[in-house]
Structures are given as C-alpha cells and as structure tokens.
C-alpha cells in the first residue's frame, strides 16, 4: 500500500506490471515452443507418409540437417520438409513422388548462404545418399545455414 493506506504504491504497481510482462513473455515462449514442436511433428509425419525410397532419402537429409545445422527449424513448406532460419526457408527436400519425378530434390532458397560468384546451383537431384553424398550434403547445409 502507499503511504496514506490507499491503493498500491508506485513500486507495487511497477512490480505488478513487470509480473504481467513476464507472464506474457512466458506464454509467448511456450506458444513458440509448441509451434516448433508441432512444425517438427508435421515434418516427421510428411516423411513417414513418403514411399520407401523417398522416405529413406528424406530421413537422411533430416538427420544431416539436425547434425550440422541444429539452429535450423523444421517445418513443412508446400507439403515438403523444409528447414528455416529466422522464419525464412533455407533448404527443402522435394520427394520424387510428390510430382512423379524420376529423382528427389534437395533445394535451397534465397536465405541459403551459398552465393559463389555469379553462378551457383540452387538444387540437386538426389537418387541415393551414401558416404560421399552425405558429406556433400552436410557441407552444403552447413554453408547454407551460416
């Protein structure tokens, strides 16, 4: 109470405002964490729905992204697994079955830091991921996320 016994003091009102702000921030963080978890689950569900060949490739890409660029957030993008930085898509995996293509695609968007002179690739056809391909993908993802 304030000095005259009426209502709250200025310090008490300030403390209540701080408490309210803290609670709003906590709710916002919880909502963001819930959204990240839901987005990740959407990606895992999309991968699980893929035919075996596409699923194996998508699982490998998902694992590689998690290992070399854990700061990228997973979410779906046009129904495909994608990985974002600051809300912008850095890279995505397009399964061959999505558009009845003969190969899956690992693609990179404008947010990817892959610029290399006046010409560089923004997508790669993916038929299989062995040790050599895994290293290439890891290198590209790490560069793209930087």
Protein backbone atom coordinates (compact mmCIF):
# COMPACT_ATOMS: atom_id res chain seq x y z
CA UNK A 1 0.00 0.00 0.00
CA UNK A 2 1.04 3.56 -0.46
CA UNK A 3 1.88 5.89 2.45
CA UNK A 4 -1.71 7.06 3.01
CA UNK A 5 -3.03 3.48 3.16
CA UNK A 6 -4.94 3.87 -0.08
CA UNK A 7 -4.26 1.54 -3.06
CA UNK A 8 -0.92 0.30 -4.27
CA UNK A 9 2.33 2.20 -4.16
CA UNK A 10 4.18 3.15 -7.33
CA UNK A 11 6.73 0.39 -6.64
CA UNK A 12 3.96 -2.18 -6.17
CA UNK A 13 2.27 -1.10 -9.42
CA UNK A 14 5.62 -1.34 -11.23
CA UNK A 15 6.19 -4.83 -9.82
CA UNK A 16 2.73 -5.93 -10.97
CA UNK A 17 3.42 -4.57 -14.45
CA UNK A 18 6.72 -6.46 -14.54
CA UNK A 19 4.96 -9.64 -13.44
CA UNK A 20 2.33 -9.23 -16.14
CA UNK A 21 5.03 -8.63 -18.76
CA UNK A 22 6.94 -11.72 -17.58
CA UNK A 23 3.79 -13.84 -17.83
CA UNK A 24 3.08 -12.56 -21.35
CA UNK A 25 6.67 -13.35 -22.37
CA UNK A 26 6.45 -16.84 -20.84
CA UNK A 27 3.19 -17.51 -22.66
CA UNK A 28 4.73 -16.30 -25.91
CA UNK A 29 7.77 -18.57 -25.42
CA UNK A 30 5.52 -21.52 -24.60
CA UNK A 31 3.43 -20.83 -27.70
CA UNK A 32 6.60 -20.63 -29.82
CA UNK A 33 7.91 -23.89 -28.34
CA UNK A 34 4.54 -25.55 -29.00
CA UNK A 35 4.62 -24.27 -32.59
CA UNK A 36 8.18 -25.56 -33.12
CA UNK A 37 7.19 -28.96 -31.75
CA UNK A 38 4.08 -29.04 -33.95
CA UNK A 39 6.08 -27.97 -37.01
CA UNK A 40 8.66 -30.68 -36.36
CA UNK A 41 5.91 -33.27 -35.96
CA UNK A 42 4.39 -32.13 -39.28
CA UNK A 43 7.75 -32.72 -40.98
CA UNK A 44 8.13 -36.16 -39.39
CA UNK A 45 4.57 -37.05 -40.43
CA UNK A 46 5.24 -35.96 -44.03
CA UNK A 47 8.41 -38.03 -44.11
CA UNK A 48 6.56 -41.06 -42.70
CA UNK A 49 3.92 -40.77 -45.47
CA UNK A 50 6.50 -40.98 -48.26
CA UNK A 51 7.16 -44.10 -50.32
CA UNK A 52 10.13 -46.13 -49.07
CA UNK A 53 12.76 -44.68 -51.45
CA UNK A 54 11.78 -41.06 -50.79
CA UNK A 55 11.39 -41.71 -47.06
CA UNK A 56 14.93 -43.10 -46.75
CA UNK A 57 16.35 -40.04 -48.51
CA UNK A 58 14.22 -37.60 -46.51
CA UNK A 59 15.20 -39.27 -43.22
CA UNK A 60 18.87 -38.97 -44.17
CA UNK A 61 18.50 -35.29 -45.09
CA UNK A 62 16.57 -34.61 -41.88
CA UNK A 63 19.28 -36.32 -39.82
CA UNK A 64 22.09 -34.44 -41.59
CA UNK A 65 20.37 -31.08 -41.08
CA UNK A 66 19.93 -31.84 -37.39
CA UNK A 67 23.59 -32.77 -37.03
CA UNK A 68 25.25 -29.94 -38.96
CA UNK A 69 22.74 -27.11 -38.54
CA UNK A 70 20.66 -27.67 -35.40
CA UNK A 71 19.80 -23.97 -35.42
CA UNK A 72 17.55 -24.53 -38.45
CA UNK A 73 13.90 -25.07 -37.55
CA UNK A 74 11.95 -27.79 -39.32
CA UNK A 75 8.56 -27.08 -40.86
CA UNK A 76 6.60 -28.09 -43.91
CA UNK A 77 6.70 -25.88 -46.97
CA UNK A 78 4.29 -26.64 -49.81
CA UNK A 79 3.82 -30.01 -48.13
CA UNK A 80 7.54 -30.82 -48.15
CA UNK A 81 10.10 -30.99 -45.34
CA UNK A 82 11.87 -27.66 -45.09
CA UNK A 83 14.38 -26.06 -42.73
CA UNK A 84 14.26 -22.39 -41.81
CA UNK A 85 16.40 -19.69 -40.26
CA UNK A 86 14.72 -16.62 -38.83
CA UNK A 87 11.46 -17.79 -40.40
CA UNK A 88 12.91 -18.00 -43.93
CA UNK A 89 13.30 -21.28 -45.79
CA UNK A 90 16.97 -22.16 -46.23
CA UNK A 91 16.56 -25.62 -47.75
CA UNK A 92 13.90 -28.20 -48.52
CA UNK A 93 13.53 -31.79 -49.61
CA UNK A 94 11.19 -32.48 -52.53
CA UNK A 95 10.39 -36.19 -52.78
CA UNK A 96 10.31 -37.71 -56.26
CA UNK A 97 6.80 -38.98 -55.67
CA UNK A 98 5.41 -35.50 -54.99
CA UNK A 99 5.40 -34.55 -58.67
CA UNK A 100 6.07 -38.01 -60.13
CA UNK A 101 9.65 -37.05 -60.93
CA UNK A 102 12.43 -39.53 -61.55
CA UNK A 103 14.54 -38.08 -58.72
CA UNK A 104 14.13 -36.36 -55.37
CA UNK A 105 15.49 -32.85 -54.98
CA UNK A 106 17.44 -31.08 -52.26
CA UNK A 107 16.74 -27.43 -52.89
CA UNK A 108 17.98 -24.16 -51.46
CA UNK A 109 16.14 -20.86 -51.25
CA UNK A 110 17.35 -17.24 -51.15
CA UNK A 111 18.09 -17.40 -47.41
CA UNK A 112 20.79 -20.04 -48.06
CA UNK A 113 24.29 -18.59 -47.89
CA UNK A 114 25.54 -20.44 -50.96
CA UNK A 115 26.44 -17.49 -53.17
CA UNK A 116 29.55 -18.33 -55.15
CA UNK A 117 30.39 -15.74 -57.78
CA UNK A 118 27.81 -15.09 -60.48
CA UNK A 119 26.58 -18.70 -60.82
CA UNK A 120 25.76 -21.46 -58.33
CA UNK A 121 23.39 -24.40 -58.02
CA UNK A 122 20.20 -24.00 -56.01
CA UNK A 123 19.02 -27.60 -56.20
CA UNK A 124 20.44 -31.06 -56.54
CA UNK A 125 18.94 -34.26 -57.86
CA UNK A 126 19.18 -36.98 -55.22
CA UNK A 127 18.94 -40.66 -56.13
CA UNK A 128 20.86 -42.15 -53.20
CA UNK A 129 22.76 -40.97 -50.15
CA UNK A 130 25.97 -42.83 -49.44
CA UNK A 131 29.01 -41.62 -47.53
CA UNK A 132 30.19 -39.28 -50.31
CA UNK A 133 26.74 -37.75 -50.85
CA UNK A 134 26.25 -37.39 -47.10
CA UNK A 135 29.48 -35.39 -46.86
CA UNK A 136 28.47 -33.17 -49.80
CA UNK A 137 25.02 -32.57 -48.32
CA UNK A 138 26.48 -31.83 -44.88
CA UNK A 139 28.91 -29.32 -46.38
CA UNK A 140 26.14 -27.59 -48.36
CA UNK A 141 23.75 -27.47 -45.40
CA UNK A 142 26.45 -26.09 -43.10
CA UNK A 143 27.31 -23.38 -45.64
CA UNK A 144 23.68 -22.60 -46.37
CA UNK A 145 22.88 -22.17 -42.67
CA UNK A 146 25.86 -19.91 -41.93
